[in-house]
C-alpha atoms as a PDB file:
ATOM      1  CA  MET A   1      -4.187  20.166  -5.213  1.00  0.00           C
ATOM      2  CA  ASN A   2      -2.571  17.636  -2.871  1.00  0.00           C
ATOM      3  CA  ASP A   3      -0.925  14.393  -4.017  1.00  0.00           C
ATOM      4  CA  GLU A   4      -3.730  12.147  -2.686  1.00  0.00           C
ATOM      5  CA  ARG A   5      -6.344  13.984  -4.775  1.00  0.00           C
ATOM      6  CA  ILE A   6      -4.202  13.796  -7.883  1.00  0.00           C
ATOM      7  CA  ARG A   7      -3.652  10.073  -7.347  1.00  0.00           C
ATOM      8  CA  ILE A   8      -7.402   9.473  -7.022  1.00  0.00           C
ATOM      9  CA  LEU A   9      -8.129  11.491 -10.196  1.00  0.00           C
ATOM     10  CA  LYS A  10      -5.485   9.531 -12.095  1.00  0.00           C
ATOM     11  CA  MET A  11      -7.083   6.266 -10.981  1.00  0.00           C
ATOM     12  CA  VAL A  12     -10.474   7.465 -12.327  1.00  0.00           C
ATOM     13  CA  GLU A  13      -8.749   8.542 -15.598  1.00  0.00           C
ATOM     14  CA  ALA A  14      -7.081   5.091 -15.963  1.00  0.00           C
ATOM     15  CA  GLY A  15     -10.385   3.313 -15.216  1.00  0.00           C
ATOM     16  CA  THR A  16      -8.938   1.693 -12.069  1.00  0.00           C
ATOM     17  CA  ILE A  17     -11.781   3.013  -9.901  1.00  0.00           C
ATOM     18  CA  SER A  18     -15.274   4.316 -10.565  1.00  0.00           C
ATOM     19  CA  THR A  19     -16.388   7.879  -9.967  1.00  0.00           C
ATOM     20  CA  ASP A  20     -18.415   6.709  -6.972  1.00  0.00           C
ATOM     21  CA  GLU A  21     -15.319   5.122  -5.478  1.00  0.00           C
ATOM     22  CA  ALA A  22     -13.352   8.310  -6.150  1.00  0.00           C
ATOM     23  CA  ASN A  23     -16.072  10.371  -4.426  1.00  0.00           C
ATOM     24  CA  GLN A  24     -15.831   8.148  -1.375  1.00  0.00           C
ATOM     25  CA  LEU A  25     -12.055   8.464  -1.295  1.00  0.00           C
ATOM     26  CA  LEU A  26     -12.264  12.242  -1.734  1.00  0.00           C
ATOM     27  CA  GLY A  27     -14.829  12.476   1.038  1.00  0.00           C
ATOM     28  CA  THR A  28     -12.585  10.459   3.305  1.00  0.00           C
ATOM     29  CA  LEU A  29      -9.715  12.836   2.566  1.00  0.00           C
ATOM     30  CA  GLU A  30     -11.822  15.847   3.437  1.00  0.00           C
ATOM     31  CA  SER A  31     -13.172  14.353   6.640  1.00  0.00           C
ATOM     32  CA  SER A  32      -9.778  13.016   7.849  1.00  0.00           C
ATOM     33  CA  PRO A  33      -7.932  15.086  10.385  1.00  0.00           C
ATOM     34  CA  LYS A  34      -5.346  17.405   8.909  1.00  0.00           C
ATOM     35  CA  LYS A  35      -3.062  17.367  11.960  1.00  0.00           C
ATOM     36  CA  GLY A  36      -1.114  14.471  13.352  1.00  0.00           C
ATOM     37  CA  VAL A  37       1.707  12.303  12.318  1.00  0.00           C
ATOM     38  CA  LYS A  38       1.004  10.215   9.258  1.00  0.00           C
ATOM     39  CA  LYS A  39       2.664   6.843   8.949  1.00  0.00           C
ATOM     40  CA  GLN A  40       2.645   3.855   6.673  1.00  0.00           C
ATOM     41  CA  ALA A  41       0.494   0.903   7.749  1.00  0.00           C
ATOM     42  CA  ARG A  42       2.651  -2.098   8.758  1.00  0.00           C
ATOM     43  CA  PHE A  43       0.122  -4.751   9.656  1.00  0.00           C
ATOM     44  CA  LEU A  44      -3.165  -6.257   8.480  1.00  0.00           C
ATOM     45  CA  LYS A  45      -4.929  -7.193  11.696  1.00  0.00           C
ATOM     46  CA  ILE A  46      -7.699  -9.767  11.789  1.00  0.00           C
ATOM     47  CA  TYR A  47      -9.804 -10.194  14.947  1.00  0.00           C
ATOM     48  CA  VAL A  48     -12.742 -12.725  15.224  1.00  0.00           C
ATOM     49  CA  GLU A  49     -14.905 -13.132  18.291  1.00  0.00           C
ATOM     50  CA  GLN A  50     -17.542 -15.878  18.426  1.00  0.00           C
ATOM     51  CA  ALA A  51     -20.233 -15.949  21.152  1.00  0.00           C
ATOM     52  CA  GLY A  52     -18.170 -13.436  23.087  1.00  0.00           C
ATOM     53  CA  GLU A  53     -15.024 -15.564  23.014  1.00  0.00           C
ATOM     54  CA  GLU A  54     -11.897 -14.546  21.080  1.00  0.00           C
ATOM     55  CA  LYS A  55     -11.257 -17.045  18.294  1.00  0.00           C
ATOM     56  CA  VAL A  56      -8.706 -15.283  16.021  1.00  0.00           C
ATOM     57  CA  ASP A  57      -6.413 -12.319  16.782  1.00  0.00           C
ATOM     58  CA  ILE A  58      -3.584 -12.176  14.247  1.00  0.00           C
ATOM     59  CA  ALA A  59      -1.396  -9.534  12.714  1.00  0.00           C
ATOM     60  CA  VAL A  60      -0.053 -10.195   9.181  1.00  0.00           C
ATOM     61  CA  PRO A  61       2.862  -8.045   7.954  1.00  0.00           C
ATOM     62  CA  LEU A  62       1.630  -5.975   5.086  1.00  0.00           C
ATOM     63  CA  SER A  63       4.469  -6.945   2.925  1.00  0.00           C
ATOM     64  CA  LEU A  64       3.258 -10.541   3.066  1.00  0.00           C
ATOM     65  CA  ALA A  65      -0.403  -9.585   2.639  1.00  0.00           C
ATOM     66  CA  LYS A  66       0.436  -7.491  -0.445  1.00  0.00           C
ATOM     67  CA  ALA A  67       2.455 -10.292  -2.002  1.00  0.00           C
ATOM     68  CA  VAL A  68      -0.423 -12.738  -1.491  1.00  0.00           C
ATOM     69  CA  LEU A  69      -2.935 -10.338  -3.003  1.00  0.00           C
ATOM     70  CA  LYS A  70      -0.845  -9.870  -6.107  1.00  0.00           C
ATOM     71  CA  TYR A  71      -0.612 -13.614  -6.736  1.00  0.00           C
ATOM     72  CA  LEU A  72      -4.268 -14.619  -6.207  1.00  0.00           C
ATOM     73  CA  PRO A  73      -5.614 -17.102  -8.786  1.00  0.00           C
ATOM     74  CA  GLN A  74      -7.770 -15.638 -11.526  1.00  0.00           C
ATOM     75  CA  LYS A  75     -10.815 -17.487 -10.207  1.00  0.00           C
ATOM     76  CA  VAL A  76     -10.449 -15.746  -6.824  1.00  0.00           C
ATOM     77  CA  LYS A  77      -9.967 -12.389  -8.519  1.00  0.00           C
ATOM     78  CA  LYS A  78     -13.122 -12.941 -10.538  1.00  0.00           C
ATOM     79  CA  ASN A  79     -15.092 -13.853  -7.454  1.00  0.00           C
ATOM     80  CA  LEU A  80     -13.875 -10.673  -5.742  1.00  0.00           C
ATOM     81  CA  ASP A  81     -14.823  -8.646  -8.842  1.00  0.00           C
ATOM     82  CA  ASP A  82     -18.278 -10.217  -8.767  1.00  0.00           C
ATOM     83  CA  GLN A  83     -18.570  -9.060  -5.184  1.00  0.00           C
ATOM     84  CA  GLU A  84     -17.431  -5.521  -6.241  1.00  0.00           C
ATOM     85  CA  ILE A  85     -14.195  -5.790  -4.256  1.00  0.00           C
ATOM     86  CA  ASN A  86     -11.518  -3.738  -5.998  1.00  0.00           C
ATOM     87  CA  LEU A  87      -8.091  -5.236  -5.186  1.00  0.00           C
ATOM     88  CA  GLU A  88      -6.191  -2.424  -6.910  1.00  0.00           C
ATOM     89  CA  LEU A  89      -7.973   0.081  -4.711  1.00  0.00           C
ATOM     90  CA  LEU A  90      -7.238  -2.009  -1.673  1.00  0.00           C
ATOM     91  CA  LEU A  91      -3.540  -2.214  -2.528  1.00  0.00           C
ATOM     92  CA  GLN A  92      -3.356   1.577  -3.126  1.00  0.00           C
ATOM     93  CA  THR A  93      -5.085   2.186   0.239  1.00  0.00           C
ATOM     94  CA  ILE A  94      -2.637  -0.087   1.932  1.00  0.00           C
ATOM     95  CA  ASP A  95       0.243   1.816   0.397  1.00  0.00           C
ATOM     96  CA  GLY A  96      -1.153   5.236   1.594  1.00  0.00           C
ATOM     97  CA  GLU A  97      -0.274   7.066   4.695  1.00  0.00           C
ATOM     98  CA  MET A  98      -2.726   7.244   7.636  1.00  0.00           C
ATOM     99  CA  ASP A  99      -3.227   9.153  10.857  1.00  0.00           C
ATOM    100  CA  LYS A 100      -4.679   6.228  12.809  1.00  0.00           C
ATOM    101  CA  PRO A 101      -5.589   2.547  12.335  1.00  0.00           C
ATOM    102  CA  PHE A 102      -7.942   2.133   9.307  1.00  0.00           C
ATOM    103  CA  THR A 103     -10.791  -0.344   9.643  1.00  0.00           C
ATOM    104  CA  LEU A 104     -11.468  -2.276   6.370  1.00  0.00           C
ATOM    105  CA  VAL A 105     -14.170  -4.626   7.745  1.00  0.00           C
ATOM    106  CA  ASN A 106     -16.257  -4.420  10.951  1.00  0.00           C
ATOM    107  CA  VAL A 107     -19.054  -6.985  11.108  1.00  0.00           C
ATOM    108  CA  ASN A 108     -21.177  -7.426  14.159  1.00  0.00           C
ATOM    109  CA  ASP A 109     -23.761 -10.265  14.191  1.00  0.00           C
ATOM    110  CA  GLY A 110     -25.144 -10.678  17.721  1.00  0.00           C
ATOM    111  CA  PRO A 111     -22.353 -12.009  19.876  1.00  0.00           C
ATOM    112  CA  ASP A 112     -20.112 -12.662  16.836  1.00  0.00           C
ATOM    113  CA  ARG A 113     -17.746 -10.070  15.459  1.00  0.00           C
ATOM    114  CA  VAL A 114     -15.114  -9.781  12.742  1.00  0.00           C
ATOM    115  CA  VAL A 115     -12.736  -6.846  12.446  1.00  0.00           C
ATOM    116  CA  VAL A 116     -10.010  -6.406   9.707  1.00  0.00           C
ATOM    117  CA  LYS A 117      -7.911  -3.243   9.929  1.00  0.00           C
ATOM    118  CA  LEU A 118      -4.644  -1.695   8.889  1.00  0.00           C
ATOM    119  CA  GLU A 119      -2.230  -0.548  11.648  1.00  0.00           C
END
């Protein structure tokens, strides 16, 4: 059993993630390409386009993004929990290796678009 699978199972055991979240992660592991160079994500990239015009295109160093996530106020963490956003899982995903950029959010609403990804 590889390290990623063991890590996912330990997160379920610790109650950090649900079995549904574990199934999604395991499915992603199985569907991800086995070949290729894996590397650590270095940037959280945010791109916003409104009415076909670029409004935001920034790259935040992951070290800064992780630090901010760890020190969010309890009210913000509760709001994220209410929206079923698991910060621990997000931080563990950020720490993992990847073959290619990983899209966290991709929202298209007519001519408006928001993309958040790890590169």
